[in-house]
N, C-alpha and C. Protein backbone atom coordinates (compact mmCIF):
# COMPACT_ATOMS: atom_id res chain seq x y z
N UNK A 1 -4.42 -56.03 2.43
CA UNK A 1 -5.52 -56.31 1.54
C UNK A 1 -6.30 -57.51 2.09
N UNK A 2 -7.59 -57.36 2.17
CA UNK A 2 -8.45 -58.44 2.66
C UNK A 2 -8.73 -59.44 1.55
N UNK A 3 -8.74 -60.72 1.88
CA UNK A 3 -9.13 -61.69 0.86
C UNK A 3 -10.62 -61.53 0.56
N UNK A 4 -10.97 -61.67 -0.72
CA UNK A 4 -12.38 -61.56 -1.09
C UNK A 4 -13.10 -62.86 -0.77
N UNK A 5 -14.28 -62.70 -0.18
CA UNK A 5 -15.09 -63.87 0.14
C UNK A 5 -16.16 -64.04 -0.92
N UNK A 6 -16.37 -65.26 -1.31
CA UNK A 6 -17.41 -65.53 -2.29
C UNK A 6 -18.77 -65.47 -1.62
N UNK A 7 -19.76 -64.96 -2.35
CA UNK A 7 -21.11 -64.92 -1.83
C UNK A 7 -21.65 -66.34 -1.72
N UNK A 8 -22.41 -66.64 -0.67
CA UNK A 8 -22.96 -67.99 -0.55
C UNK A 8 -23.99 -68.26 -1.65
N UNK A 9 -24.04 -69.48 -2.09
CA UNK A 9 -25.00 -69.89 -3.11
C UNK A 9 -26.29 -70.25 -2.39
N UNK A 10 -27.36 -69.54 -2.71
CA UNK A 10 -28.63 -69.77 -2.05
C UNK A 10 -29.44 -70.81 -2.82
N UNK A 11 -30.48 -71.33 -2.18
CA UNK A 11 -31.37 -72.28 -2.83
C UNK A 11 -32.05 -71.64 -4.04
N UNK A 12 -32.43 -70.36 -3.91
CA UNK A 12 -33.06 -69.64 -5.03
C UNK A 12 -32.11 -69.56 -6.22
N UNK A 13 -30.83 -69.30 -5.95
CA UNK A 13 -29.85 -69.23 -7.03
C UNK A 13 -29.71 -70.59 -7.71
N UNK A 14 -29.72 -71.65 -6.93
CA UNK A 14 -29.61 -72.99 -7.49
C UNK A 14 -30.83 -73.33 -8.33
N UNK A 15 -32.05 -72.95 -7.85
CA UNK A 15 -33.26 -73.20 -8.61
C UNK A 15 -33.24 -72.46 -9.94
N UNK A 16 -32.79 -71.19 -9.91
CA UNK A 16 -32.70 -70.41 -11.13
C UNK A 16 -31.73 -71.04 -12.11
N UNK A 17 -30.59 -71.50 -11.61
CA UNK A 17 -29.60 -72.14 -12.48
C UNK A 17 -30.17 -73.40 -13.12
N UNK A 18 -30.91 -74.19 -12.34
CA UNK A 18 -31.54 -75.40 -12.89
C UNK A 18 -32.58 -75.04 -13.94
N UNK A 19 -33.36 -73.99 -13.69
CA UNK A 19 -34.37 -73.56 -14.65
C UNK A 19 -33.73 -73.08 -15.95
N UNK A 20 -32.65 -72.30 -15.85
CA UNK A 20 -31.94 -71.84 -17.05
C UNK A 20 -31.44 -73.04 -17.84
N UNK A 21 -30.87 -74.01 -17.16
CA UNK A 21 -30.36 -75.21 -17.82
C UNK A 21 -31.48 -75.94 -18.55
N UNK A 22 -32.66 -76.08 -17.91
CA UNK A 22 -33.78 -76.80 -18.54
C UNK A 22 -34.31 -76.04 -19.75
N UNK A 23 -34.44 -74.72 -19.63
CA UNK A 23 -34.94 -73.93 -20.76
C UNK A 23 -33.96 -73.99 -21.92
N UNK A 24 -32.67 -73.82 -21.65
CA UNK A 24 -31.69 -73.88 -22.73
C UNK A 24 -31.66 -75.26 -23.37
N UNK A 25 -31.84 -76.31 -22.57
CA UNK A 25 -31.90 -77.66 -23.12
C UNK A 25 -33.11 -77.79 -24.04
N UNK A 26 -34.25 -77.22 -23.65
CA UNK A 26 -35.45 -77.26 -24.49
C UNK A 26 -35.21 -76.53 -25.81
N UNK A 27 -34.53 -75.40 -25.75
CA UNK A 27 -34.21 -74.64 -26.96
C UNK A 27 -33.31 -75.48 -27.87
N UNK A 28 -32.30 -76.12 -27.29
CA UNK A 28 -31.36 -76.92 -28.09
C UNK A 28 -32.04 -78.13 -28.71
N UNK A 29 -32.92 -78.80 -27.96
CA UNK A 29 -33.65 -79.95 -28.49
C UNK A 29 -34.55 -79.51 -29.64
N UNK A 30 -35.25 -78.39 -29.47
CA UNK A 30 -36.12 -77.89 -30.53
C UNK A 30 -35.32 -77.55 -31.78
N UNK A 31 -34.16 -76.94 -31.59
CA UNK A 31 -33.31 -76.60 -32.74
C UNK A 31 -32.82 -77.86 -33.44
N UNK A 32 -32.38 -78.85 -32.66
CA UNK A 32 -31.87 -80.09 -33.23
C UNK A 32 -32.96 -80.86 -33.98
N UNK A 33 -34.19 -80.76 -33.49
CA UNK A 33 -35.29 -81.48 -34.12
C UNK A 33 -35.85 -80.73 -35.33
N UNK A 34 -35.31 -79.54 -35.57
CA UNK A 34 -35.80 -78.76 -36.70
C UNK A 34 -37.09 -78.02 -36.39
N UNK A 35 -37.50 -78.00 -35.11
CA UNK A 35 -38.72 -77.31 -34.72
C UNK A 35 -38.48 -75.82 -34.57
N UNK A 36 -37.22 -75.44 -34.47
CA UNK A 36 -36.89 -74.03 -34.29
C UNK A 36 -35.62 -73.77 -35.07
N UNK A 37 -35.63 -72.75 -35.89
CA UNK A 37 -34.51 -72.45 -36.76
C UNK A 37 -33.87 -71.15 -36.32
N UNK A 38 -32.53 -71.12 -36.14
CA UNK A 38 -31.87 -69.89 -35.76
C UNK A 38 -32.14 -68.76 -36.75
N UNK A 39 -31.94 -67.54 -36.29
CA UNK A 39 -32.28 -66.34 -37.05
C UNK A 39 -31.67 -66.31 -38.44
N UNK A 40 -30.44 -66.79 -38.57
CA UNK A 40 -29.76 -66.72 -39.86
C UNK A 40 -30.48 -67.54 -40.93
N UNK A 41 -31.28 -68.53 -40.53
CA UNK A 41 -31.93 -69.41 -41.48
C UNK A 41 -33.44 -69.29 -41.48
N UNK A 42 -33.99 -68.53 -40.55
CA UNK A 42 -35.44 -68.47 -40.40
C UNK A 42 -36.08 -67.61 -41.49
N UNK A 43 -37.23 -68.04 -41.91
CA UNK A 43 -38.07 -67.23 -42.76
C UNK A 43 -39.09 -66.56 -41.85
N UNK A 44 -39.91 -65.67 -42.38
CA UNK A 44 -40.92 -65.02 -41.54
C UNK A 44 -41.76 -66.10 -40.87
N UNK A 45 -41.64 -66.18 -39.56
CA UNK A 45 -42.31 -67.22 -38.81
C UNK A 45 -43.77 -66.87 -38.59
N UNK A 46 -44.63 -67.88 -38.65
CA UNK A 46 -46.03 -67.67 -38.37
C UNK A 46 -46.46 -68.39 -37.11
N UNK A 47 -45.55 -69.05 -36.40
CA UNK A 47 -45.91 -69.72 -35.16
C UNK A 47 -46.13 -68.68 -34.08
N UNK A 48 -47.13 -68.89 -33.22
CA UNK A 48 -47.46 -67.88 -32.22
C UNK A 48 -46.40 -67.71 -31.13
N UNK A 49 -45.46 -68.65 -31.01
CA UNK A 49 -44.44 -68.52 -29.96
C UNK A 49 -43.15 -67.89 -30.47
N UNK A 50 -43.08 -67.55 -31.77
CA UNK A 50 -41.85 -67.03 -32.35
C UNK A 50 -42.13 -65.76 -33.16
N UNK A 51 -41.24 -64.78 -33.00
CA UNK A 51 -41.31 -63.54 -33.77
C UNK A 51 -39.93 -63.30 -34.37
N UNK A 52 -39.89 -63.00 -35.67
CA UNK A 52 -38.62 -62.70 -36.33
C UNK A 52 -38.67 -61.28 -36.87
N UNK A 53 -37.68 -60.49 -36.47
CA UNK A 53 -37.50 -59.15 -37.03
C UNK A 53 -36.23 -59.18 -37.87
N UNK A 54 -35.80 -58.05 -38.38
CA UNK A 54 -34.56 -58.01 -39.14
C UNK A 54 -33.34 -58.27 -38.25
N UNK A 55 -33.47 -58.02 -36.94
CA UNK A 55 -32.31 -58.08 -36.05
C UNK A 55 -32.39 -59.10 -34.94
N UNK A 56 -33.56 -59.61 -34.66
CA UNK A 56 -33.74 -60.54 -33.54
C UNK A 56 -34.76 -61.60 -33.92
N UNK A 57 -34.47 -62.84 -33.54
CA UNK A 57 -35.48 -63.89 -33.56
C UNK A 57 -35.80 -64.16 -32.10
N UNK A 58 -37.05 -63.97 -31.72
CA UNK A 58 -37.47 -64.12 -30.33
C UNK A 58 -38.46 -65.26 -30.22
N UNK A 59 -38.32 -66.02 -29.15
CA UNK A 59 -39.21 -67.16 -28.95
C UNK A 59 -39.57 -67.28 -27.49
N UNK A 60 -40.82 -67.59 -27.22
CA UNK A 60 -41.29 -67.88 -25.87
C UNK A 60 -41.14 -69.39 -25.66
N UNK A 61 -40.42 -69.79 -24.63
CA UNK A 61 -40.08 -71.19 -24.41
C UNK A 61 -40.42 -71.58 -22.97
N UNK A 62 -40.99 -72.76 -22.79
CA UNK A 62 -41.28 -73.28 -21.45
C UNK A 62 -40.25 -74.32 -21.08
N UNK A 63 -39.90 -74.36 -19.79
CA UNK A 63 -38.96 -75.38 -19.33
C UNK A 63 -39.56 -76.78 -19.36
N UNK A 64 -40.87 -76.86 -19.28
CA UNK A 64 -41.56 -78.16 -19.23
C UNK A 64 -42.63 -78.22 -20.31
N UNK A 65 -43.06 -79.45 -20.62
CA UNK A 65 -44.09 -79.61 -21.65
C UNK A 65 -45.50 -79.50 -21.06
N UNK A 66 -45.62 -79.50 -19.73
CA UNK A 66 -46.92 -79.36 -19.08
C UNK A 66 -46.75 -78.58 -17.78
N UNK A 67 -47.82 -77.89 -17.38
CA UNK A 67 -47.83 -77.13 -16.14
C UNK A 67 -48.37 -78.01 -15.01
N UNK A 68 -47.94 -77.73 -13.79
CA UNK A 68 -48.35 -78.52 -12.63
C UNK A 68 -49.09 -77.60 -11.66
N UNK A 69 -50.33 -77.97 -11.26
CA UNK A 69 -51.07 -77.13 -10.32
C UNK A 69 -50.27 -76.87 -9.04
N UNK A 70 -50.29 -75.60 -8.61
CA UNK A 70 -49.62 -75.21 -7.37
C UNK A 70 -48.12 -75.05 -7.48
N UNK A 71 -47.55 -75.21 -8.64
CA UNK A 71 -46.10 -75.12 -8.82
C UNK A 71 -45.75 -73.91 -9.68
N UNK A 72 -44.48 -73.54 -9.61
CA UNK A 72 -43.97 -72.46 -10.45
C UNK A 72 -43.42 -73.06 -11.74
N UNK A 73 -43.83 -72.49 -12.85
CA UNK A 73 -43.30 -72.88 -14.15
C UNK A 73 -42.36 -71.77 -14.61
N UNK A 74 -41.26 -72.15 -15.21
CA UNK A 74 -40.32 -71.15 -15.74
C UNK A 74 -40.51 -71.05 -17.24
N UNK A 75 -40.78 -69.83 -17.70
CA UNK A 75 -40.95 -69.54 -19.12
C UNK A 75 -39.89 -68.50 -19.46
N UNK A 76 -39.34 -68.60 -20.65
CA UNK A 76 -38.28 -67.67 -21.04
C UNK A 76 -38.61 -66.99 -22.37
N UNK A 77 -38.22 -65.73 -22.44
CA UNK A 77 -38.16 -65.04 -23.72
C UNK A 77 -36.72 -65.20 -24.18
N UNK A 78 -36.52 -66.01 -25.21
CA UNK A 78 -35.17 -66.30 -25.71
C UNK A 78 -34.94 -65.48 -26.97
N UNK A 79 -33.90 -64.65 -26.96
CA UNK A 79 -33.58 -63.79 -28.10
C UNK A 79 -32.31 -64.28 -28.78
N UNK A 80 -32.35 -64.42 -30.08
CA UNK A 80 -31.15 -64.64 -30.88
C UNK A 80 -30.91 -63.33 -31.61
N UNK A 81 -29.78 -62.70 -31.30
CA UNK A 81 -29.50 -61.35 -31.75
C UNK A 81 -28.56 -61.37 -32.95
N UNK A 82 -28.87 -60.58 -33.94
CA UNK A 82 -28.06 -60.47 -35.16
C UNK A 82 -26.61 -60.14 -34.80
N UNK A 83 -25.63 -60.79 -35.45
CA UNK A 83 -24.22 -60.48 -35.17
C UNK A 83 -23.93 -58.98 -35.33
N UNK A 84 -23.18 -58.43 -34.37
CA UNK A 84 -22.83 -57.02 -34.38
C UNK A 84 -23.85 -56.14 -33.67
N UNK A 85 -24.98 -56.69 -33.30
CA UNK A 85 -26.05 -55.96 -32.63
C UNK A 85 -26.13 -56.41 -31.18
N UNK A 86 -26.85 -55.66 -30.35
CA UNK A 86 -27.02 -56.03 -28.94
C UNK A 86 -28.35 -55.51 -28.40
N UNK A 87 -28.81 -56.15 -27.32
CA UNK A 87 -29.96 -55.68 -26.55
C UNK A 87 -29.46 -55.32 -25.16
N UNK A 88 -30.35 -54.87 -24.30
CA UNK A 88 -29.93 -54.31 -23.02
C UNK A 88 -30.38 -55.11 -21.80
N UNK A 89 -29.64 -54.90 -20.73
CA UNK A 89 -29.85 -55.50 -19.41
C UNK A 89 -30.85 -54.66 -18.62
N UNK A 90 -31.23 -55.14 -17.44
CA UNK A 90 -32.12 -54.43 -16.52
C UNK A 90 -31.66 -53.00 -16.26
N UNK A 91 -30.37 -52.82 -15.99
CA UNK A 91 -29.78 -51.50 -15.81
C UNK A 91 -28.82 -51.30 -16.98
N UNK A 92 -29.29 -50.65 -18.05
CA UNK A 92 -28.49 -50.60 -19.28
C UNK A 92 -27.22 -49.77 -19.22
N UNK A 93 -27.06 -48.93 -18.22
CA UNK A 93 -25.88 -48.08 -18.15
C UNK A 93 -26.18 -46.68 -18.63
N UNK A 94 -25.25 -46.08 -19.40
CA UNK A 94 -25.37 -44.68 -19.82
C UNK A 94 -26.40 -44.47 -20.93
N UNK A 95 -26.85 -45.51 -21.57
CA UNK A 95 -27.83 -45.40 -22.65
C UNK A 95 -28.58 -46.72 -22.74
N UNK A 96 -29.62 -46.75 -23.54
CA UNK A 96 -30.33 -48.00 -23.77
C UNK A 96 -31.63 -48.11 -23.00
N UNK A 97 -32.31 -49.23 -23.22
CA UNK A 97 -33.59 -49.50 -22.58
C UNK A 97 -33.73 -50.99 -22.38
N UNK A 98 -34.13 -51.38 -21.17
CA UNK A 98 -34.27 -52.80 -20.85
C UNK A 98 -35.40 -53.46 -21.63
N UNK A 99 -35.32 -54.77 -21.79
CA UNK A 99 -36.40 -55.55 -22.38
C UNK A 99 -37.55 -55.60 -21.39
N UNK A 100 -38.77 -55.48 -21.89
CA UNK A 100 -39.96 -55.53 -21.04
C UNK A 100 -40.91 -56.59 -21.58
N UNK A 101 -41.60 -57.27 -20.65
CA UNK A 101 -42.59 -58.28 -21.02
C UNK A 101 -43.87 -58.00 -20.26
N UNK A 102 -44.97 -57.83 -20.98
CA UNK A 102 -46.30 -57.66 -20.38
C UNK A 102 -47.07 -58.96 -20.63
N UNK A 103 -47.58 -59.55 -19.57
CA UNK A 103 -48.23 -60.86 -19.65
C UNK A 103 -49.75 -60.73 -19.62
N UNK A 104 -50.42 -61.59 -20.38
CA UNK A 104 -51.87 -61.80 -20.28
C UNK A 104 -52.02 -63.29 -19.98
N UNK A 105 -52.49 -63.57 -18.76
CA UNK A 105 -52.52 -64.95 -18.27
C UNK A 105 -53.94 -65.36 -17.88
N UNK A 106 -54.19 -66.67 -17.84
CA UNK A 106 -55.51 -67.13 -17.39
C UNK A 106 -55.76 -66.72 -15.94
N UNK A 107 -57.03 -66.68 -15.51
CA UNK A 107 -57.34 -66.33 -14.12
C UNK A 107 -56.59 -67.22 -13.13
N UNK A 108 -56.04 -66.59 -12.09
CA UNK A 108 -55.32 -67.32 -11.05
C UNK A 108 -53.83 -67.47 -11.32
N UNK A 109 -53.39 -67.31 -12.56
CA UNK A 109 -51.98 -67.39 -12.91
C UNK A 109 -51.35 -66.02 -12.66
N UNK A 110 -50.06 -65.99 -12.34
CA UNK A 110 -49.36 -64.71 -12.20
C UNK A 110 -47.91 -64.88 -12.65
N UNK A 111 -47.36 -63.78 -13.15
CA UNK A 111 -45.97 -63.77 -13.63
C UNK A 111 -45.12 -62.96 -12.66
N UNK A 112 -43.95 -63.46 -12.35
CA UNK A 112 -43.00 -62.74 -11.52
C UNK A 112 -42.11 -61.85 -12.39
N UNK A 113 -41.10 -61.30 -11.76
CA UNK A 113 -40.16 -60.42 -12.45
C UNK A 113 -39.18 -61.24 -13.30
N UNK A 114 -38.67 -60.61 -14.35
CA UNK A 114 -37.65 -61.25 -15.18
C UNK A 114 -36.42 -61.54 -14.31
N UNK A 115 -35.89 -62.74 -14.45
CA UNK A 115 -34.62 -63.11 -13.81
C UNK A 115 -33.54 -62.88 -14.86
N UNK A 116 -32.83 -61.78 -14.72
CA UNK A 116 -31.91 -61.32 -15.76
C UNK A 116 -30.61 -62.12 -15.75
N UNK A 117 -30.17 -62.60 -16.92
CA UNK A 117 -28.85 -63.23 -16.98
C UNK A 117 -27.76 -62.15 -16.81
N UNK A 118 -26.59 -62.57 -16.41
CA UNK A 118 -25.48 -61.62 -16.24
C UNK A 118 -25.18 -60.96 -17.59
N UNK A 119 -25.03 -59.63 -17.60
CA UNK A 119 -24.79 -58.92 -18.85
C UNK A 119 -23.32 -58.85 -19.21
N UNK A 120 -23.06 -58.38 -20.42
CA UNK A 120 -21.71 -58.03 -20.87
C UNK A 120 -21.58 -56.51 -20.76
N UNK A 121 -20.38 -56.03 -20.52
CA UNK A 121 -20.12 -54.60 -20.61
C UNK A 121 -19.77 -54.32 -22.05
N UNK A 122 -20.52 -53.43 -22.67
CA UNK A 122 -20.35 -53.10 -24.08
C UNK A 122 -20.02 -51.63 -24.22
N UNK A 123 -19.37 -51.28 -25.30
CA UNK A 123 -19.07 -49.88 -25.55
C UNK A 123 -19.72 -49.47 -26.86
N UNK A 124 -20.54 -48.41 -26.77
CA UNK A 124 -21.22 -47.89 -27.95
C UNK A 124 -20.43 -46.72 -28.51
N UNK A 125 -20.75 -46.30 -29.74
CA UNK A 125 -20.06 -45.15 -30.33
C UNK A 125 -20.09 -43.94 -29.37
N UNK A 126 -18.96 -43.24 -29.30
CA UNK A 126 -18.84 -42.11 -28.38
C UNK A 126 -18.34 -42.55 -27.01
N UNK A 127 -17.78 -43.77 -26.94
CA UNK A 127 -17.26 -44.32 -25.68
C UNK A 127 -18.32 -44.38 -24.58
N UNK A 128 -19.54 -44.72 -24.95
CA UNK A 128 -20.62 -44.85 -23.98
C UNK A 128 -20.65 -46.30 -23.48
N UNK A 129 -20.53 -46.47 -22.17
CA UNK A 129 -20.54 -47.81 -21.58
C UNK A 129 -21.98 -48.23 -21.30
N UNK A 130 -22.33 -49.42 -21.78
CA UNK A 130 -23.66 -49.98 -21.55
C UNK A 130 -23.51 -51.44 -21.14
N UNK A 131 -24.62 -52.00 -20.64
CA UNK A 131 -24.64 -53.40 -20.23
C UNK A 131 -25.78 -54.10 -20.96
N UNK A 132 -25.43 -55.20 -21.60
CA UNK A 132 -26.45 -55.90 -22.36
C UNK A 132 -25.97 -57.23 -22.87
N UNK A 133 -26.53 -57.64 -24.01
CA UNK A 133 -26.32 -58.98 -24.53
C UNK A 133 -26.03 -58.97 -26.02
N UNK A 134 -25.09 -59.78 -26.43
CA UNK A 134 -24.81 -60.05 -27.83
C UNK A 134 -25.02 -61.54 -28.06
N UNK A 135 -25.32 -61.93 -29.26
CA UNK A 135 -25.50 -63.36 -29.55
C UNK A 135 -26.88 -63.85 -29.14
N UNK A 136 -27.03 -64.16 -27.86
CA UNK A 136 -28.33 -64.61 -27.35
C UNK A 136 -28.57 -64.02 -25.96
N UNK A 137 -29.83 -64.00 -25.59
CA UNK A 137 -30.22 -63.61 -24.23
C UNK A 137 -31.45 -64.42 -23.87
N UNK A 138 -31.46 -64.98 -22.68
CA UNK A 138 -32.59 -65.77 -22.20
C UNK A 138 -33.13 -65.11 -20.94
N UNK A 139 -34.32 -64.54 -21.05
CA UNK A 139 -34.96 -63.83 -19.94
C UNK A 139 -35.98 -64.76 -19.28
N UNK A 140 -35.62 -65.33 -18.14
CA UNK A 140 -36.49 -66.25 -17.42
C UNK A 140 -37.54 -65.51 -16.62
N UNK A 141 -38.76 -66.04 -16.61
CA UNK A 141 -39.85 -65.46 -15.82
C UNK A 141 -40.57 -66.60 -15.10
N UNK A 142 -40.72 -66.48 -13.76
CA UNK A 142 -41.49 -67.50 -13.04
C UNK A 142 -42.99 -67.25 -13.23
N UNK A 143 -43.71 -68.28 -13.59
CA UNK A 143 -45.17 -68.21 -13.74
C UNK A 143 -45.78 -69.09 -12.65
N UNK A 144 -46.58 -68.48 -11.79
CA UNK A 144 -47.25 -69.23 -10.72
C UNK A 144 -48.52 -69.85 -11.28
N UNK A 145 -48.61 -71.17 -11.14
CA UNK A 145 -49.78 -71.92 -11.60
C UNK A 145 -50.68 -72.12 -10.38
N UNK A 146 -51.96 -71.74 -10.46
CA UNK A 146 -52.82 -71.87 -9.29
C UNK A 146 -53.04 -73.33 -8.88
N UNK A 147 -53.24 -73.52 -7.61
CA UNK A 147 -53.47 -74.86 -7.05
C UNK A 147 -54.70 -75.52 -7.67
N UNK A 148 -55.71 -74.70 -8.02
CA UNK A 148 -56.96 -75.26 -8.56
C UNK A 148 -56.96 -75.42 -10.08
N UNK A 149 -55.79 -75.26 -10.72
CA UNK A 149 -55.71 -75.50 -12.17
C UNK A 149 -56.08 -76.96 -12.43
N UNK A 150 -56.87 -77.19 -13.48
CA UNK A 150 -57.43 -78.53 -13.73
C UNK A 150 -56.57 -79.34 -14.69
N UNK A 151 -56.02 -80.46 -14.21
CA UNK A 151 -55.27 -81.33 -15.10
C UNK A 151 -56.13 -81.75 -16.30
N UNK A 152 -55.50 -81.78 -17.47
CA UNK A 152 -56.20 -82.14 -18.70
C UNK A 152 -56.62 -80.93 -19.51
N UNK A 153 -56.71 -79.76 -18.89
CA UNK A 153 -57.03 -78.54 -19.63
C UNK A 153 -55.78 -77.97 -20.27
N UNK A 154 -55.99 -77.16 -21.31
CA UNK A 154 -54.88 -76.42 -21.94
C UNK A 154 -55.08 -74.95 -21.61
N UNK A 155 -53.99 -74.27 -21.35
CA UNK A 155 -54.05 -72.82 -21.10
C UNK A 155 -53.09 -72.13 -22.06
N UNK A 156 -53.38 -70.86 -22.31
CA UNK A 156 -52.53 -70.07 -23.19
C UNK A 156 -51.89 -68.95 -22.39
N UNK A 157 -50.57 -68.89 -22.42
CA UNK A 157 -49.81 -67.82 -21.81
C UNK A 157 -49.47 -66.84 -22.93
N UNK A 158 -49.92 -65.60 -22.79
CA UNK A 158 -49.68 -64.59 -23.83
C UNK A 158 -48.75 -63.52 -23.29
N UNK A 159 -47.85 -63.06 -24.14
CA UNK A 159 -46.90 -62.03 -23.74
C UNK A 159 -46.71 -61.03 -24.87
N UNK A 160 -46.51 -59.78 -24.48
CA UNK A 160 -46.15 -58.73 -25.42
C UNK A 160 -44.80 -58.21 -24.95
N UNK A 161 -43.76 -58.45 -25.73
CA UNK A 161 -42.39 -58.08 -25.33
C UNK A 161 -41.91 -56.93 -26.20
N UNK A 162 -41.12 -56.05 -25.57
CA UNK A 162 -40.48 -54.94 -26.27
C UNK A 162 -39.01 -54.93 -25.90
N UNK A 163 -38.17 -54.68 -26.89
CA UNK A 163 -36.73 -54.59 -26.65
C UNK A 163 -36.15 -53.55 -27.59
N UNK A 164 -35.01 -53.03 -27.21
CA UNK A 164 -34.26 -52.09 -28.04
C UNK A 164 -33.03 -52.83 -28.53
N UNK A 165 -32.81 -52.85 -29.83
CA UNK A 165 -31.66 -53.55 -30.40
C UNK A 165 -30.80 -52.51 -31.13
N UNK A 166 -29.49 -52.57 -30.87
CA UNK A 166 -28.60 -51.52 -31.38
C UNK A 166 -27.36 -52.09 -32.05
N UNK A 167 -26.89 -51.34 -33.04
CA UNK A 167 -25.58 -51.52 -33.63
C UNK A 167 -24.98 -50.12 -33.61
N UNK A 168 -24.96 -49.43 -34.75
CA UNK A 168 -24.58 -48.01 -34.76
C UNK A 168 -25.79 -47.13 -34.48
N UNK A 169 -26.96 -47.68 -34.78
CA UNK A 169 -28.23 -47.02 -34.46
C UNK A 169 -29.04 -47.99 -33.60
N UNK A 170 -30.05 -47.48 -32.92
CA UNK A 170 -30.92 -48.32 -32.10
C UNK A 170 -32.32 -48.35 -32.70
N UNK A 171 -32.91 -49.53 -32.68
CA UNK A 171 -34.25 -49.71 -33.22
C UNK A 171 -35.14 -50.36 -32.16
N UNK A 172 -36.30 -49.77 -31.87
CA UNK A 172 -37.23 -50.44 -30.96
C UNK A 172 -37.92 -51.58 -31.72
N UNK A 173 -38.00 -52.74 -31.09
CA UNK A 173 -38.69 -53.88 -31.70
C UNK A 173 -39.62 -54.48 -30.65
N UNK A 174 -40.56 -55.26 -31.14
CA UNK A 174 -41.51 -55.88 -30.23
C UNK A 174 -42.09 -57.12 -30.86
N UNK A 175 -42.77 -57.90 -30.04
CA UNK A 175 -43.44 -59.08 -30.54
C UNK A 175 -44.54 -59.52 -29.60
N UNK A 176 -45.55 -60.16 -30.18
CA UNK A 176 -46.63 -60.75 -29.39
C UNK A 176 -46.49 -62.26 -29.51
N UNK A 177 -46.59 -62.93 -28.37
CA UNK A 177 -46.32 -64.35 -28.30
C UNK A 177 -47.48 -65.08 -27.60
N UNK A 178 -47.71 -66.32 -27.99
CA UNK A 178 -48.66 -67.19 -27.31
C UNK A 178 -48.01 -68.56 -27.15
N UNK A 179 -48.17 -69.10 -25.96
CA UNK A 179 -47.64 -70.43 -25.67
C UNK A 179 -48.76 -71.23 -25.03
N UNK A 180 -49.26 -72.25 -25.73
CA UNK A 180 -50.34 -73.10 -25.21
C UNK A 180 -49.72 -74.33 -24.57
N UNK A 181 -50.09 -74.59 -23.33
CA UNK A 181 -49.54 -75.72 -22.58
C UNK A 181 -50.64 -76.48 -21.86
N UNK A 182 -50.50 -77.80 -21.76
CA UNK A 182 -51.47 -78.56 -20.98
C UNK A 182 -51.15 -78.49 -19.49
N UNK A 183 -52.17 -78.72 -18.70
CA UNK A 183 -51.97 -78.80 -17.24
C UNK A 183 -52.00 -80.29 -16.89
């Protein structure tokens, strides 16, 4: 039997890990300050960065409080999933549908692909194996800020997200989000 070798940790992997840490820290600070309330306590939210359904509270969160010209900003769609329910990974397995985010960005800005967190292996009724998330899921997206972005201006990052949330049945859900940030 050959010993298993660990995959080398790349700079990109380290950057992603740092971005996840910063976004999760921002979520925790907002929750502690009372700026963001977990799903179990939230009322119908009217803030443009948060959407609450019966099964998921979703929020668009930035790792930083301001964007920097010529740099990549990490923005996350953070889902708090109702206990007993789950959403799906990029490759959901035998059933399910991945979360999708469609961006509307200012001229010169661009969004990269979702950086998917590691999923859980879940079993649905009928012994169907799927891959997804319970509790919470943080979908990181790199946003390229153009070099000619003007410091002092505010820009709005808009997203339309769709996800499938399941318990014994599956329900398609969606939300429209806006996140205004200074440059």
